[in-house]
Amino acid sequence: MKCRGLSVILAMALVAGCEGNTPTPTPSQAVAVAPSAPPVAAPVAAPVAAPVSGPERRVLAFGDSLFAGYRLGSRESYPAKLETALRAQGINARVTNAGVSGDTSAAGRQRLTFVLGSMPARPDLAIVELGGNDLLRGIAPSETGANLTAILDELKRRNVPVLLMGMRAPPNMGDAFVAEFDGLYPRLARQYGTALVPFFMEPIYGKPALQQADHVHPTAAGVDAMVAATADDVAKALPKAP
């Protein structure tokens, strides 16, 4: 599934029925306000970001097109905006984007060792986001579970804490399939003691304005919503700095 990417939203959509910037005016272009006009309220000051401090915290974002930033700019992907959000909290975060569009859990399992070996140091946290493409291909939940288990085993062997991004199956997959698939992420989180975001796509689900024209991938604004909903989960999952 090259560069079609992924999302549970696509499967759910199938169930449901399925820049130029305006230049800043120069002083000569400004319109004078009549003396009788009501006073303009002063703009509300933006929140002041916390100063970044402490040792660098390395976060590995390991997933598919939802991390890769399908059809978005290099600084508009979830990992890029997550890094900005964490640094705004004062965390000296460096987020490595290891998302590959179209990856299934099996493909992620195959490349995990290479990705970890290519990093200059062991990550302080790995965010694992895989399984949506398994849904689109109708892969048995048992296979998805086996692959995710192997991924978590490898990260545990390397002493890398994990935040697991959960997915949910669409109802048209059948009650048995849905129950088995949806239960994978909570079960694995309990088994491995990992942090869990129950449904990574929740912030944009049912919100076309936050989805690209394919009704699958988030727009830049959609990514903002996803980061806003999960940045605190990532911050909490990071182990305390030494």
Protein backbone atom coordinates (compact mmCIF):
# COMPACT_ATOMS: atom_id res chain seq x y z
CA MET A 1 0.00 0.00 0.00
CA LYS A 2 2.61 2.51 -1.13
CA CYS A 3 2.06 6.06 -0.01
CA ARG A 4 -1.65 5.61 0.41
CA GLY A 5 -0.81 5.61 4.03
CA LEU A 6 -3.20 4.58 6.68
CA SER A 7 -5.89 5.35 8.99
CA VAL A 8 -8.58 3.71 10.90
CA ILE A 9 -10.59 6.72 9.78
CA LEU A 10 -10.59 5.40 6.19
CA ALA A 11 -12.08 2.13 7.29
CA MET A 12 -14.62 3.94 9.42
CA ALA A 13 -15.41 6.28 6.55
CA LEU A 14 -16.18 3.26 4.41
CA VAL A 15 -18.64 2.17 7.04
CA ALA A 16 -20.34 5.56 7.10
CA GLY A 17 -20.73 5.74 3.38
CA CYS A 18 -17.97 4.02 2.85
CA GLU A 19 -1.01 29.74 1.28
CA GLY A 20 -0.45 32.88 0.25
CA ASN A 21 -0.40 35.05 3.29
CA THR A 22 -2.05 38.47 3.34
CA PRO A 23 0.71 41.13 3.45
CA THR A 24 0.88 43.30 6.56
CA PRO A 25 -0.35 46.85 5.72
CA THR A 26 2.31 49.54 5.68
CA PRO A 27 1.73 52.67 7.78
CA SER A 28 0.54 54.52 4.67
CA GLN A 29 -2.05 51.77 4.03
CA ALA A 30 -3.46 51.78 7.56
CA VAL A 31 -7.01 53.04 7.92
CA ALA A 32 -7.41 55.80 10.49
CA VAL A 33 -9.96 55.19 13.24
CA ALA A 34 -12.51 57.94 13.69
CA PRO A 35 -12.43 59.61 17.09
CA SER A 36 -15.95 58.37 17.79
CA ALA A 37 -15.04 54.72 17.24
CA PRO A 38 -15.06 52.53 20.38
CA PRO A 39 -11.63 51.76 21.82
CA VAL A 40 -10.03 48.54 20.60
CA ALA A 41 -9.30 46.04 23.35
CA ALA A 42 -5.68 45.09 23.80
CA PRO A 43 -4.90 41.58 22.48
CA VAL A 44 -4.60 38.83 25.03
CA ALA A 45 -0.97 37.89 25.53
CA ALA A 46 -0.02 34.42 24.32
CA PRO A 47 1.02 31.96 27.01
CA VAL A 48 4.70 32.17 27.77
CA ALA A 49 6.51 28.93 27.01
CA ALA A 50 8.52 27.42 29.84
CA PRO A 51 12.29 27.75 29.41
CA VAL A 52 13.83 24.57 28.03
CA SER A 53 16.16 22.96 30.53
CA GLY A 54 17.67 19.68 31.59
CA PRO A 55 19.33 16.93 29.58
CA GLU A 56 18.15 16.14 26.08
CA ARG A 57 15.26 13.67 26.08
CA ARG A 58 15.28 11.45 22.99
CA VAL A 59 11.86 10.28 21.78
CA LEU A 60 11.45 7.75 18.95
CA ALA A 61 8.18 8.11 17.02
CA PHE A 62 7.83 4.69 15.38
CA GLY A 63 4.81 4.20 13.15
CA ASP A 64 3.21 4.63 9.75
CA SER A 65 1.87 7.55 7.68
CA LEU A 66 0.24 9.14 10.72
CA PHE A 67 3.76 9.80 11.98
CA ALA A 68 5.43 10.18 8.58
CA GLY A 69 3.38 13.31 7.86
CA TYR A 70 1.63 12.17 4.68
CA ARG A 71 1.26 15.15 2.29
CA LEU A 72 2.41 17.60 4.95
CA GLY A 73 5.48 19.78 5.24
CA SER A 74 8.52 18.50 7.09
CA ARG A 75 7.66 20.58 10.16
CA GLU A 76 3.94 19.72 10.06
CA SER A 77 4.17 16.04 10.98
CA TYR A 78 3.05 14.76 14.35
CA PRO A 79 6.62 14.09 15.58
CA ALA A 80 7.78 17.58 14.57
CA LYS A 81 4.88 19.34 16.26
CA LEU A 82 5.12 17.06 19.27
CA GLU A 83 8.72 18.14 19.74
CA THR A 84 7.64 21.78 19.65
CA ALA A 85 4.87 21.11 22.18
CA LEU A 86 7.19 19.29 24.57
CA ARG A 87 9.79 22.03 24.37
CA ALA A 88 7.06 24.57 25.12
CA GLN A 89 6.58 22.65 28.37
CA GLY A 90 10.27 23.13 29.14
CA ILE A 91 11.28 19.59 28.15
CA ASN A 92 14.52 19.44 26.17
CA ALA A 93 12.96 16.99 23.70
CA ARG A 94 14.32 15.67 20.42
CA VAL A 95 11.75 13.58 18.56
CA THR A 96 13.00 11.26 15.80
CA ASN A 97 10.41 10.67 13.08
CA ALA A 98 10.57 6.97 12.17
CA GLY A 99 7.18 6.85 10.46
CA VAL A 100 6.85 5.05 7.11
CA SER A 101 3.69 5.42 5.04
CA GLY A 102 1.94 2.12 4.41
CA ASP A 103 3.73 0.19 7.14
CA THR A 104 1.85 -2.71 8.69
CA SER A 105 2.76 -4.07 12.09
CA ALA A 106 4.80 -6.77 10.31
CA ALA A 107 6.79 -4.17 8.35
CA GLY A 108 7.43 -2.23 11.53
CA ARG A 109 8.61 -5.37 13.26
CA GLN A 110 11.08 -6.05 10.45
CA ARG A 111 12.71 -2.62 10.54
CA LEU A 112 12.72 -1.89 14.27
CA THR A 113 16.20 -3.28 14.93
CA PHE A 114 17.66 -1.25 12.08
CA VAL A 115 15.98 1.95 13.31
CA LEU A 116 17.23 1.48 16.86
CA GLY A 117 20.71 0.63 15.63
CA SER A 118 20.85 3.79 13.53
CA MET A 119 20.14 6.09 16.48
CA PRO A 120 23.15 7.73 18.13
CA ALA A 121 21.90 6.73 21.58
CA ARG A 122 19.16 4.68 23.19
CA PRO A 123 15.87 6.61 23.14
CA ASP A 124 14.36 7.66 26.45
CA LEU A 125 10.91 6.77 25.10
CA ALA A 126 9.46 5.01 22.05
CA ILE A 127 5.98 5.91 20.81
CA VAL A 128 4.62 2.91 18.90
CA GLU A 129 1.80 3.64 16.45
CA LEU A 130 0.97 0.72 14.16
CA GLY A 131 -2.05 -1.41 13.24
CA GLY A 132 -4.23 0.80 11.06
CA ASN A 133 -2.86 -0.63 7.84
CA ASP A 134 -3.42 -4.11 9.24
CA LEU A 135 -7.09 -3.20 9.50
CA LEU A 136 -7.25 -1.95 5.93
CA ARG A 137 -5.72 -5.21 4.72
CA GLY A 138 -7.96 -7.36 6.86
CA ILE A 139 -5.02 -8.94 8.66
CA ALA A 140 -6.08 -11.19 11.52
CA PRO A 141 -5.84 -9.49 14.93
CA SER A 142 -3.78 -12.44 16.14
CA GLU A 143 -1.08 -11.56 13.59
CA THR A 144 -1.16 -7.89 14.52
CA GLY A 145 -0.91 -8.85 18.17
CA ALA A 146 2.07 -11.13 17.51
CA ASN A 147 3.91 -8.37 15.67
CA LEU A 148 3.21 -5.75 18.31
CA THR A 149 4.32 -8.22 20.95
CA ALA A 150 7.64 -8.76 19.15
CA ILE A 151 8.12 -4.98 18.90
CA LEU A 152 7.44 -4.51 22.60
CA ASP A 153 9.72 -7.43 23.45
CA GLU A 154 12.60 -5.84 21.56
CA LEU A 155 12.07 -2.45 23.19
CA LYS A 156 11.84 -4.07 26.61
CA ARG A 157 15.06 -5.99 25.95
CA ARG A 158 16.75 -2.65 25.24
CA ASN A 159 15.19 -1.00 28.31
CA VAL A 160 13.24 1.52 26.24
CA PRO A 161 9.97 2.70 27.84
CA VAL A 162 6.95 2.72 25.51
CA LEU A 163 3.84 4.78 24.89
CA LEU A 164 1.43 2.68 22.82
CA MET A 165 -0.94 4.50 20.46
CA GLY A 166 -4.14 2.49 20.24
CA MET A 167 -6.32 1.91 17.17
CA ARG A 168 -9.91 0.74 16.87
CA ALA A 169 -11.55 -1.49 14.28
CA PRO A 170 -14.64 -0.36 12.34
CA PRO A 171 -17.89 -2.18 13.16
CA ASN A 172 -18.23 -3.65 9.67
CA MET A 173 -15.32 -6.00 10.47
CA GLY A 174 -17.71 -8.06 12.60
CA ASP A 175 -18.23 -8.27 16.34
CA ALA A 176 -15.64 -10.96 16.97
CA PHE A 177 -12.94 -9.19 14.94
CA VAL A 178 -13.68 -5.82 16.56
CA ALA A 179 -13.60 -7.25 20.07
CA GLU A 180 -10.29 -9.03 19.45
CA PHE A 181 -8.59 -6.12 17.70
CA ASP A 182 -9.78 -3.39 20.06
CA GLY A 183 -8.66 -5.47 23.01
CA LEU A 184 -5.09 -5.80 21.71
CA TYR A 185 -3.77 -2.42 22.81
CA PRO A 186 -5.16 -2.35 26.38
CA ARG A 187 -4.05 -5.96 26.88
CA LEU A 188 -0.51 -5.31 25.66
CA ALA A 189 -0.27 -2.10 27.69
CA ARG A 190 -1.19 -4.05 30.83
CA GLN A 191 1.11 -6.95 29.97
CA TYR A 192 4.16 -4.76 29.36
CA GLY A 193 3.32 -1.98 31.80
CA THR A 194 3.37 0.63 29.04
CA ALA A 195 1.51 3.92 28.86
CA LEU A 196 -1.46 3.90 26.45
CA VAL A 197 -3.43 6.36 24.36
CA PRO A 198 -6.62 4.33 23.77
CA PHE A 199 -7.47 5.79 20.32
CA PHE A 200 -4.84 7.94 18.64
CA MET A 201 -7.29 9.22 15.97
CA GLU A 202 -9.92 10.37 18.45
CA PRO A 203 -9.20 14.13 18.04
CA ILE A 204 -10.03 14.11 14.31
CA TYR A 205 -12.61 11.34 14.14
CA GLY A 206 -15.82 12.60 12.56
CA LYS A 207 -14.29 16.03 11.85
CA PRO A 208 -13.83 16.48 8.07
CA ALA A 209 -12.31 19.94 8.56
CA LEU A 210 -9.34 18.28 10.27
CA GLN A 211 -8.89 15.61 7.59
CA GLN A 212 -7.27 15.82 4.18
CA ALA A 213 -9.35 15.42 1.02
CA ASP A 214 -8.81 11.66 1.19
CA HIS A 215 -10.80 11.63 4.46
CA VAL A 216 -7.96 9.59 5.88
CA HIS A 217 -4.99 11.64 6.99
CA PRO A 218 -4.98 14.68 9.25
CA THR A 219 -4.42 18.16 7.90
CA ALA A 220 -1.87 20.38 9.61
CA ALA A 221 -4.69 21.60 11.86
CA GLY A 222 -5.64 17.99 12.49
CA VAL A 223 -2.10 17.23 13.59
CA ASP A 224 -2.29 20.21 15.94
CA ALA A 225 -5.41 18.69 17.51
CA MET A 226 -3.75 15.30 17.88
CA VAL A 227 -0.66 16.81 19.48
CA ALA A 228 -2.76 18.92 21.85
CA ALA A 229 -4.63 15.79 22.94
CA THR A 230 -1.56 13.61 23.49
CA ALA A 231 1.45 15.81 24.37
CA ASP A 232 0.74 15.46 28.08
CA ASP A 233 0.58 11.66 27.70
CA VAL A 234 4.02 11.73 26.10
CA ALA A 235 5.43 14.01 28.79
CA LYS A 236 4.09 11.72 31.53
CA ALA A 237 5.47 8.61 29.80
CA LEU A 238 8.99 10.06 29.71
CA PRO A 239 10.95 8.69 32.64
CA LYS A 240 12.40 11.27 35.00
CA ALA A 241 15.67 12.76 33.82
CA PRO A 242 18.72 11.48 35.70
